[in-house]
PDB file of N, CA and C in Angstrom:
ATOM      1  N   MET A   1      15.332 109.434 203.445  1.00  0.00           N
ATOM      2  CA  MET A   1      16.176 109.167 202.669  1.00  0.00           C
ATOM      3  C   MET A   1      17.103 109.866 203.243  1.00  0.00           C
ATOM      4  N   GLU A   2      18.278 109.330 203.701  1.00  0.00           N
ATOM      5  CA  GLU A   2      19.521 110.641 204.511  1.00  0.00           C
ATOM      6  C   GLU A   2      19.598 111.789 203.542  1.00  0.00           C
ATOM      7  N   LYS A   3      20.302 113.057 203.620  1.00  0.00           N
ATOM      8  CA  LYS A   3      20.390 114.236 203.323  1.00  0.00           C
ATOM      9  C   LYS A   3      21.868 114.081 202.240  1.00  0.00           C
ATOM     10  N   GLY A   4      22.597 113.503 203.193  1.00  0.00           N
ATOM     11  CA  GLY A   4      23.918 112.620 202.205  1.00  0.00           C
ATOM     12  C   GLY A   4      23.153 111.731 200.705  1.00  0.00           C
ATOM     13  N   HIS A   5      22.520 110.871 201.169  1.00  0.00           N
ATOM     14  CA  HIS A   5      22.086 110.195 200.008  1.00  0.00           C
ATOM     15  C   HIS A   5      21.326 110.535 199.183  1.00  0.00           C
ATOM     16  N   ARG A   6      20.714 111.662 199.343  1.00  0.00           N
ATOM     17  CA  ARG A   6      19.606 112.377 198.657  1.00  0.00           C
ATOM     18  C   ARG A   6      20.657 113.402 197.412  1.00  0.00           C
ATOM     19  N   SER A   7      21.708 114.160 197.931  1.00  0.00           N
ATOM     20  CA  SER A   7      22.166 114.887 197.420  1.00  0.00           C
ATOM     21  C   SER A   7      23.518 114.141 196.411  1.00  0.00           C
ATOM     22  N   LYS A   8      23.836 112.775 196.462  1.00  0.00           N
ATOM     23  CA  LYS A   8      24.297 111.823 195.481  1.00  0.00           C
ATOM     24  C   LYS A   8      23.242 111.816 194.259  1.00  0.00           C
ATOM     25  N   PHE A   9      22.115 111.003 195.058  1.00  0.00           N
ATOM     26  CA  PHE A   9      20.594 110.666 194.265  1.00  0.00           C
ATOM     27  C   PHE A   9      20.553 112.206 193.218  1.00  0.00           C
ATOM     28  N   ASP A  10      20.486 113.429 193.921  1.00  0.00           N
ATOM     29  CA  ASP A  10      20.361 114.116 192.951  1.00  0.00           C
ATOM     30  C   ASP A  10      21.188 114.544 191.519  1.00  0.00           C
ATOM     31  N   GLN A  11      22.573 114.211 192.742  1.00  0.00           N
ATOM     32  CA  GLN A  11      23.461 114.255 191.511  1.00  0.00           C
ATOM     33  C   GLN A  11      24.033 113.280 189.885  1.00  0.00           C
ATOM     34  N   ILE A  12      23.213 112.191 190.707  1.00  0.00           N
ATOM     35  CA  ILE A  12      23.104 110.998 189.491  1.00  0.00           C
ATOM     36  C   ILE A  12      22.009 111.510 188.309  1.00  0.00           C
ATOM     37  N   MET A  13      20.810 112.117 189.174  1.00  0.00           N
ATOM     38  CA  MET A  13      19.814 112.441 188.279  1.00  0.00           C
ATOM     39  C   MET A  13      19.697 113.525 187.542  1.00  0.00           C
ATOM     40  N   VAL A  14      20.685 114.289 187.954  1.00  0.00           N
ATOM     41  CA  VAL A  14      21.402 115.840 187.063  1.00  0.00           C
ATOM     42  C   VAL A  14      21.816 114.920 185.570  1.00  0.00           C
ATOM     43  N   LEU A  15      22.691 113.929 185.835  1.00  0.00           N
ATOM     44  CA  LEU A  15      23.211 113.230 184.613  1.00  0.00           C
ATOM     45  C   LEU A  15      22.443 112.522 183.919  1.00  0.00           C
ATOM     46  N   VAL A  16      22.143 111.884 184.440  1.00  0.00           N
ATOM     47  CA  VAL A  16      20.385 111.410 183.774  1.00  0.00           C
ATOM     48  C   VAL A  16      19.432 112.017 182.676  1.00  0.00           C
ATOM     49  N   GLY A  17      19.295 113.372 183.247  1.00  0.00           N
ATOM     50  CA  GLY A  17      18.720 114.517 182.818  1.00  0.00           C
ATOM     51  C   GLY A  17      19.117 114.776 181.449  1.00  0.00           C
ATOM     52  N   LEU A  18      20.485 114.611 181.336  1.00  0.00           N
ATOM     53  CA  LEU A  18      21.207 115.173 180.518  1.00  0.00           C
ATOM     54  C   LEU A  18      20.727 114.423 179.113  1.00  0.00           C
ATOM     55  N   VAL A  19      20.684 113.132 179.642  1.00  0.00           N
ATOM     56  CA  VAL A  19      20.970 111.862 178.284  1.00  0.00           C
ATOM     57  C   VAL A  19      20.080 112.309 177.082  1.00  0.00           C
ATOM     58  N   SER A  20      18.609 112.715 177.659  1.00  0.00           N
ATOM     59  CA  SER A  20      17.578 112.844 176.725  1.00  0.00           C
ATOM     60  C   SER A  20      18.478 114.139 176.014  1.00  0.00           C
ATOM     61  N   PRO A  21      18.397 115.273 176.379  1.00  0.00           N
ATOM     62  CA  PRO A  21      19.220 116.174 175.329  1.00  0.00           C
ATOM     63  C   PRO A  21      20.261 115.998 174.625  1.00  0.00           C
ATOM     64  N   ILE A  22      21.176 115.334 175.275  1.00  0.00           N
ATOM     65  CA  ILE A  22      22.245 115.039 174.485  1.00  0.00           C
ATOM     66  C   ILE A  22      22.156 114.118 173.254  1.00  0.00           C
ATOM     67  N   ALA A  23      20.964 113.155 174.049  1.00  0.00           N
ATOM     68  CA  ALA A  23      20.683 112.093 172.442  1.00  0.00           C
ATOM     69  C   ALA A  23      20.061 112.993 171.430  1.00  0.00           C
ATOM     70  N   THR A  24      19.291 114.231 171.502  1.00  0.00           N
ATOM     71  CA  THR A  24      18.781 114.809 170.876  1.00  0.00           C
ATOM     72  C   THR A  24      19.420 115.558 169.506  1.00  0.00           C
ATOM     73  N   ILE A  25      21.000 115.658 170.357  1.00  0.00           N
ATOM     74  CA  ILE A  25      21.637 116.116 169.094  1.00  0.00           C
ATOM     75  C   ILE A  25      21.789 115.822 167.620  1.00  0.00           C
ATOM     76  N   PRO A  26      21.652 114.466 167.866  1.00  0.00           N
ATOM     77  CA  PRO A  26      22.048 114.488 166.353  1.00  0.00           C
ATOM     78  C   PRO A  26      20.611 114.931 165.362  1.00  0.00           C
ATOM     79  N   GLN A  27      19.254 114.925 165.865  1.00  0.00           N
ATOM     80  CA  GLN A  27      18.564 115.572 165.459  1.00  0.00           C
ATOM     81  C   GLN A  27      18.708 116.864 164.993  1.00  0.00           C
ATOM     82  N   VAL A  28      19.239 117.604 165.523  1.00  0.00           N
ATOM     83  CA  VAL A  28      19.435 118.999 165.602  1.00  0.00           C
ATOM     84  C   VAL A  28      20.380 119.345 164.357  1.00  0.00           C
ATOM     85  N   ILE A  29      21.488 118.350 164.158  1.00  0.00           N
ATOM     86  CA  ILE A  29      22.391 118.322 163.532  1.00  0.00           C
ATOM     87  C   ILE A  29      21.902 117.957 162.137  1.00  0.00           C
ATOM     88  N   LYS A  30      20.976 116.777 161.979  1.00  0.00           N
ATOM     89  CA  LYS A  30      20.830 116.016 160.510  1.00  0.00           C
ATOM     90  C   LYS A  30      19.492 117.643 160.279  1.00  0.00           C
ATOM     91  N   VAL A  31      18.741 118.144 161.069  1.00  0.00           N
ATOM     92  CA  VAL A  31      17.536 119.125 160.057  1.00  0.00           C
ATOM     93  C   VAL A  31      18.039 120.157 159.953  1.00  0.00           C
ATOM     94  N   PHE A  32      18.828 120.613 160.188  1.00  0.00           N
ATOM     95  CA  PHE A  32      19.931 121.745 159.802  1.00  0.00           C
ATOM     96  C   PHE A  32      21.091 121.671 159.001  1.00  0.00           C
ATOM     97  N   ALA A  33      21.413 120.516 159.191  1.00  0.00           N
ATOM     98  CA  ALA A  33      22.537 119.872 157.849  1.00  0.00           C
ATOM     99  C   ALA A  33      22.195 119.787 156.650  1.00  0.00           C
ATOM    100  N   THR A  34      20.777 118.878 156.811  1.00  0.00           N
ATOM    101  CA  THR A  34      20.596 118.293 155.540  1.00  0.00           C
ATOM    102  C   THR A  34      19.490 119.054 155.228  1.00  0.00           C
ATOM    103  N   HIS A  35      18.862 119.845 155.626  1.00  0.00           N
ATOM    104  CA  HIS A  35      18.259 121.266 155.549  1.00  0.00           C
ATOM    105  C   HIS A  35      16.492 120.194 154.821  1.00  0.00           C
ATOM    106  N   ARG A  36      15.744 120.601 154.075  1.00  0.00           N
ATOM    107  CA  ARG A  36      14.428 120.206 153.573  1.00  0.00           C
ATOM    108  C   ARG A  36      14.427 118.480 153.927  1.00  0.00           C
ATOM    109  N   GLN A  37      15.309 117.987 153.391  1.00  0.00           N
ATOM    110  CA  GLN A  37      15.434 116.363 153.057  1.00  0.00           C
ATOM    111  C   GLN A  37      14.604 115.556 154.599  1.00  0.00           C
ATOM    112  N   HIS A  38      16.278 116.348 155.262  1.00  0.00           N
ATOM    113  CA  HIS A  38      15.259 115.398 156.854  1.00  0.00           C
ATOM    114  C   HIS A  38      14.309 116.276 157.424  1.00  0.00           C
ATOM    115  N   ALA A  39      14.549 117.517 157.376  1.00  0.00           N
ATOM    116  CA  ALA A  39      13.218 118.314 158.211  1.00  0.00           C
ATOM    117  C   ALA A  39      11.876 117.618 157.697  1.00  0.00           C
ATOM    118  N   ALA A  40      11.889 117.653 156.412  1.00  0.00           N
ATOM    119  CA  ALA A  40      10.474 116.987 155.806  1.00  0.00           C
ATOM    120  C   ALA A  40       9.803 115.748 156.713  1.00  0.00           C
ATOM    121  N   GLY A  41      10.826 115.067 156.952  1.00  0.00           N
ATOM    122  CA  GLY A  41      10.549 113.260 157.567  1.00  0.00           C
ATOM    123  C   GLY A  41      10.314 113.538 159.214  1.00  0.00           C
ATOM    124  N   GLN A  42      10.299 114.852 159.742  1.00  0.00           N
ATOM    125  CA  GLN A  42      10.095 114.595 160.928  1.00  0.00           C
ATOM    126  C   GLN A  42       8.546 115.535 161.249  1.00  0.00           C
ATOM    127  N   SER A  43       7.840 114.935 162.754  1.00  0.00           N
ATOM    128  CA  SER A  43       6.908 115.578 162.954  1.00  0.00           C
ATOM    129  C   SER A  43       6.922 117.231 163.445  1.00  0.00           C
ATOM    130  N   LEU A  44       6.425 118.038 163.183  1.00  0.00           N
ATOM    131  CA  LEU A  44       6.698 119.144 164.006  1.00  0.00           C
ATOM    132  C   LEU A  44       5.776 119.306 165.219  1.00  0.00           C
ATOM    133  N   THR A  45       4.841 118.023 165.046  1.00  0.00           N
ATOM    134  CA  THR A  45       3.556 118.203 166.021  1.00  0.00           C
ATOM    135  C   THR A  45       4.654 117.503 167.417  1.00  0.00           C
ATOM    136  N   THR A  46       4.892 116.076 166.837  1.00  0.00           N
ATOM    137  CA  THR A  46       5.587 115.240 167.689  1.00  0.00           C
ATOM    138  C   THR A  46       6.874 116.121 168.623  1.00  0.00           C
ATOM    139  N   TRP A  47       7.552 117.027 167.773  1.00  0.00           N
ATOM    140  CA  TRP A  47       8.706 117.820 168.785  1.00  0.00           C
ATOM    141  C   TRP A  47       8.151 118.944 169.563  1.00  0.00           C
ATOM    142  N   SER A  48       7.139 119.659 169.171  1.00  0.00           N
ATOM    143  CA  SER A  48       6.321 120.843 169.562  1.00  0.00           C
ATOM    144  C   SER A  48       6.032 120.309 171.013  1.00  0.00           C
ATOM    145  N   ILE A  49       5.148 118.915 171.022  1.00  0.00           N
ATOM    146  CA  ILE A  49       4.785 118.635 172.418  1.00  0.00           C
ATOM    147  C   ILE A  49       5.960 117.866 173.257  1.00  0.00           C
ATOM    148  N   TYR A  50       6.768 117.629 172.642  1.00  0.00           N
ATOM    149  CA  TYR A  50       8.277 117.295 173.671  1.00  0.00           C
ATOM    150  C   TYR A  50       8.388 118.173 174.183  1.00  0.00           C
ATOM    151  N   ALA A  51       8.296 119.992 173.485  1.00  0.00           N
ATOM    152  CA  ALA A  51       9.014 120.929 174.033  1.00  0.00           C
ATOM    153  C   ALA A  51       8.325 121.226 174.615  1.00  0.00           C
ATOM    154  N   ALA A  52       6.973 121.086 174.792  1.00  0.00           N
ATOM    155  CA  ALA A  52       5.900 121.927 175.684  1.00  0.00           C
ATOM    156  C   ALA A  52       5.720 120.942 176.796  1.00  0.00           C
ATOM    157  N   ILE A  53       5.872 119.529 176.949  1.00  0.00           N
ATOM    158  CA  ILE A  53       6.190 119.192 178.077  1.00  0.00           C
ATOM    159  C   ILE A  53       6.898 118.868 179.312  1.00  0.00           C
ATOM    160  N   ALA A  54       8.264 119.439 178.222  1.00  0.00           N
ATOM    161  CA  ALA A  54       9.510 120.132 178.932  1.00  0.00           C
ATOM    162  C   ALA A  54       9.584 121.195 179.585  1.00  0.00           C
ATOM    163  N   ILE A  55       8.805 122.293 179.206  1.00  0.00           N
ATOM    164  CA  ILE A  55       8.571 123.067 179.806  1.00  0.00           C
ATOM    165  C   ILE A  55       7.661 123.121 180.867  1.00  0.00           C
ATOM    166  N   LEU A  56       6.647 122.262 180.642  1.00  0.00           N
ATOM    167  CA  LEU A  56       5.789 122.123 182.146  1.00  0.00           C
ATOM    168  C   LEU A  56       6.721 121.201 182.539  1.00  0.00           C
ATOM    169  N   TRP A  57       7.286 120.575 182.711  1.00  0.00           N
ATOM    170  CA  TRP A  57       8.665 119.876 184.024  1.00  0.00           C
ATOM    171  C   TRP A  57       9.299 120.996 184.557  1.00  0.00           C
ATOM    172  N   VAL A  58       9.934 121.736 183.680  1.00  0.00           N
ATOM    173  CA  VAL A  58      10.610 122.595 184.475  1.00  0.00           C
ATOM    174  C   VAL A  58       9.688 124.138 185.240  1.00  0.00           C
ATOM    175  N   ILE A  59       8.646 124.227 184.898  1.00  0.00           N
ATOM    176  CA  ILE A  59       7.983 124.872 185.538  1.00  0.00           C
ATOM    177  C   ILE A  59       7.654 123.768 186.958  1.00  0.00           C
ATOM    178  N   TYR A  60       7.219 122.622 186.656  1.00  0.00           N
ATOM    179  CA  TYR A  60       7.199 121.966 188.458  1.00  0.00           C
ATOM    180  C   TYR A  60       8.409 121.991 188.874  1.00  0.00           C
ATOM    181  N   GLY A  61       9.682 121.487 188.435  1.00  0.00           N
ATOM    182  CA  GLY A  61      10.540 121.818 189.029  1.00  0.00           C
ATOM    183  C   GLY A  61      11.006 122.641 189.570  1.00  0.00           C
ATOM    184  N   LEU A  62      10.694 123.720 189.210  1.00  0.00           N
ATOM    185  CA  LEU A  62      10.978 125.365 189.970  1.00  0.00           C
ATOM    186  C   LEU A  62      10.517 125.499 191.246  1.00  0.00           C
ATOM    187  N   ARG A  63       8.434 124.762 191.093  1.00  0.00           N
ATOM    188  CA  ARG A  63       7.883 124.782 191.693  1.00  0.00           C
ATOM    189  C   ARG A  63       8.223 124.087 193.125  1.00  0.00           C
ATOM    190  N   LYS A  64       8.709 122.931 192.758  1.00  0.00           N
ATOM    191  CA  LYS A  64       9.184 121.820 193.835  1.00  0.00           C
ATOM    192  C   LYS A  64      10.682 122.358 194.330  1.00  0.00           C
ATOM    193  N   ARG A  65      11.339 123.107 193.385  1.00  0.00           N
ATOM    194  CA  ARG A  65      13.138 123.130 194.272  1.00  0.00           C
ATOM    195  C   ARG A  65      13.846 121.967 193.732  1.00  0.00           C
ATOM    196  N   GLU A  66      13.507 121.462 192.705  1.00  0.00           N
ATOM    197  CA  GLU A  66      14.289 120.349 192.501  1.00  0.00           C
ATOM    198  C   GLU A  66      14.783 120.473 191.215  1.00  0.00           C
ATOM    199  N   ALA A  67      16.467 120.730 191.318  1.00  0.00           N
ATOM    200  CA  ALA A  67      17.377 120.750 190.256  1.00  0.00           C
ATOM    201  C   ALA A  67      17.591 120.143 189.558  1.00  0.00           C
ATOM    202  N   PRO A  68      17.504 118.606 189.420  1.00  0.00           N
ATOM    203  CA  PRO A  68      17.766 117.747 188.061  1.00  0.00           C
ATOM    204  C   PRO A  68      16.237 117.771 187.104  1.00  0.00           C
ATOM    205  N   LEU A  69      15.067 118.259 187.938  1.00  0.00           N
ATOM    206  CA  LEU A  69      13.914 118.594 186.585  1.00  0.00           C
ATOM    207  C   LEU A  69      14.174 120.181 186.191  1.00  0.00           C
ATOM    208  N   VAL A  70      14.811 120.773 186.715  1.00  0.00           N
ATOM    209  CA  VAL A  70      14.981 122.251 186.053  1.00  0.00           C
ATOM    210  C   VAL A  70      16.171 122.039 184.706  1.00  0.00           C
ATOM    211  N   ILE A  71      17.074 121.698 185.203  1.00  0.00           N
ATOM    212  CA  ILE A  71      18.398 121.369 184.496  1.00  0.00           C
ATOM    213  C   ILE A  71      18.434 120.530 183.154  1.00  0.00           C
ATOM    214  N   GLY A  72      17.774 119.401 183.442  1.00  0.00           N
ATOM    215  CA  GLY A  72      17.431 118.375 182.613  1.00  0.00           C
ATOM    216  C   GLY A  72      16.333 119.007 181.396  1.00  0.00           C
ATOM    217  N   ASN A  73      15.022 119.295 181.990  1.00  0.00           N
ATOM    218  CA  ASN A  73      14.413 119.430 181.042  1.00  0.00           C
ATOM    219  C   ASN A  73      14.228 121.291 180.495  1.00  0.00           C
ATOM    220  N   ALA A  74      14.993 121.904 181.122  1.00  0.00           N
ATOM    221  CA  ALA A  74      15.352 123.015 180.299  1.00  0.00           C
ATOM    222  C   ALA A  74      16.446 122.965 179.187  1.00  0.00           C
ATOM    223  N   LEU A  75      17.332 122.054 179.085  1.00  0.00           N
ATOM    224  CA  LEU A  75      17.888 121.901 178.137  1.00  0.00           C
ATOM    225  C   LEU A  75      17.266 120.653 177.244  1.00  0.00           C
ATOM    226  N   GLY A  76      16.489 119.851 177.930  1.00  0.00           N
ATOM    227  CA  GLY A  76      15.447 119.083 176.721  1.00  0.00           C
ATOM    228  C   GLY A  76      14.422 120.406 175.812  1.00  0.00           C
ATOM    229  N   PHE A  77      13.914 121.257 176.446  1.00  0.00           N
ATOM    230  CA  PHE A  77      13.163 122.171 175.701  1.00  0.00           C
ATOM    231  C   PHE A  77      13.977 122.867 174.983  1.00  0.00           C
ATOM    232  N   ILE A  78      15.205 123.390 174.962  1.00  0.00           N
ATOM    233  CA  ILE A  78      16.242 123.660 174.002  1.00  0.00           C
ATOM    234  C   ILE A  78      16.179 122.930 173.102  1.00  0.00           C
ATOM    235  N   MET A  79      16.617 121.821 172.998  1.00  0.00           N
ATOM    236  CA  MET A  79      17.153 120.650 171.985  1.00  0.00           C
ATOM    237  C   MET A  79      15.812 120.526 171.628  1.00  0.00           C
ATOM    238  N   TYR A  80      14.588 120.369 171.587  1.00  0.00           N
ATOM    239  CA  TYR A  80      13.370 119.653 171.056  1.00  0.00           C
ATOM    240  C   TYR A  80      13.072 121.161 170.557  1.00  0.00           C
ATOM    241  N   GLY A  81      12.987 122.098 171.150  1.00  0.00           N
ATOM    242  CA  GLY A  81      12.553 123.681 169.778  1.00  0.00           C
ATOM    243  C   GLY A  81      13.381 123.346 169.178  1.00  0.00           C
ATOM    244  N   LEU A  82      14.645 123.712 169.089  1.00  0.00           N
ATOM    245  CA  LEU A  82      15.795 123.692 168.122  1.00  0.00           C
ATOM    246  C   LEU A  82      15.065 122.383 166.930  1.00  0.00           C
ATOM    247  N   VAL A  83      14.718 121.435 167.035  1.00  0.00           N
ATOM    248  CA  VAL A  83      14.551 120.560 166.089  1.00  0.00           C
ATOM    249  C   VAL A  83      12.935 120.939 165.636  1.00  0.00           C
ATOM    250  N   ALA A  84      12.400 121.623 166.216  1.00  0.00           N
ATOM    251  CA  ALA A  84      11.067 122.278 165.932  1.00  0.00           C
ATOM    252  C   ALA A  84      10.930 123.431 165.112  1.00  0.00           C
ATOM    253  N   ALA A  85      11.951 124.199 165.402  1.00  0.00           N
ATOM    254  CA  ALA A  85      12.633 125.079 164.741  1.00  0.00           C
ATOM    255  C   ALA A  85      13.136 125.136 163.213  1.00  0.00           C
ATOM    256  N   GLY A  86      14.033 124.097 163.570  1.00  0.00           N
ATOM    257  CA  GLY A  86      14.164 123.493 162.120  1.00  0.00           C
ATOM    258  C   GLY A  86      13.446 122.770 160.925  1.00  0.00           C
ATOM    259  N   ILE A  87      12.335 122.126 161.536  1.00  0.00           N
ATOM    260  CA  ILE A  87      11.479 121.844 160.730  1.00  0.00           C
ATOM    261  C   ILE A  87      10.597 122.782 160.288  1.00  0.00           C
ATOM    262  N   LEU A  88      10.335 124.092 161.494  1.00  0.00           N
ATOM    263  CA  LEU A  88       9.778 125.089 160.519  1.00  0.00           C
ATOM    264  C   LEU A  88      10.304 125.748 159.200  1.00  0.00           C
ATOM    265  N   ILE A  89      11.849 125.833 159.455  1.00  0.00           N
ATOM    266  CA  ILE A  89      12.752 126.342 159.143  1.00  0.00           C
ATOM    267  C   ILE A  89      12.678 126.159 157.299  1.00  0.00           C
ATOM    268  N   HIS A  90      12.524 124.391 157.701  1.00  0.00           N
ATOM    269  CA  HIS A  90      13.134 123.752 156.462  1.00  0.00           C
ATOM    270  C   HIS A  90      12.009 122.991 155.763  1.00  0.00           C
ATOM    271  N   ALA A  91      11.067 122.628 156.523  1.00  0.00           N
ATOM    272  CA  ALA A  91       9.797 122.066 155.354  1.00  0.00           C
ATOM    273  C   ALA A  91       8.207 122.731 156.021  1.00  0.00           C
ATOM    274  N   GLY A  92       8.381 124.029 156.529  1.00  0.00           N
ATOM    275  CA  GLY A  92       7.183 124.327 156.924  1.00  0.00           C
ATOM    276  C   GLY A  92       6.234 123.851 157.957  1.00  0.00           C
ATOM    277  N   LEU A  93       5.136 124.265 158.050  1.00  0.00           N
ATOM    278  CA  LEU A  93       3.893 123.703 159.032  1.00  0.00           C
ATOM    279  C   LEU A  93       4.322 121.983 158.520  1.00  0.00           C
ATOM    280  N   THR A  94       4.148 121.027 159.100  1.00  0.00           N
ATOM    281  CA  THR A  94       4.154 119.487 159.090  1.00  0.00           C
ATOM    282  C   THR A  94       3.251 118.517 160.219  1.00  0.00           C
ATOM    283  N   PHE A  95       2.844 118.171 159.845  1.00  0.00           N
ATOM    284  CA  PHE A  95       2.381 117.040 161.250  1.00  0.00           C
ATOM    285  C   PHE A  95       3.813 115.861 160.786  1.00  0.00           C
TER     286      PHE A  95
END
């Protein structure tokens, strides 16, 4: 792939990498705004696994020097971690 095309593709992938974290914003709001009611219905295990996977992708992206992987997954880790933290705070250890 030519360098010019790769650069444009990288820019597109950074935007694509933002979609997942942005799509998580409603979950973060629900977990913190409705507290126990919504938090109890969420899976701490699932959100923790999402966060762990995202951090592994960040590490992989750093090793490969791929900004789209690092940016999208770092934001994903933050958002997934916020949901997991909200579940812990408002519902405790749940599955």
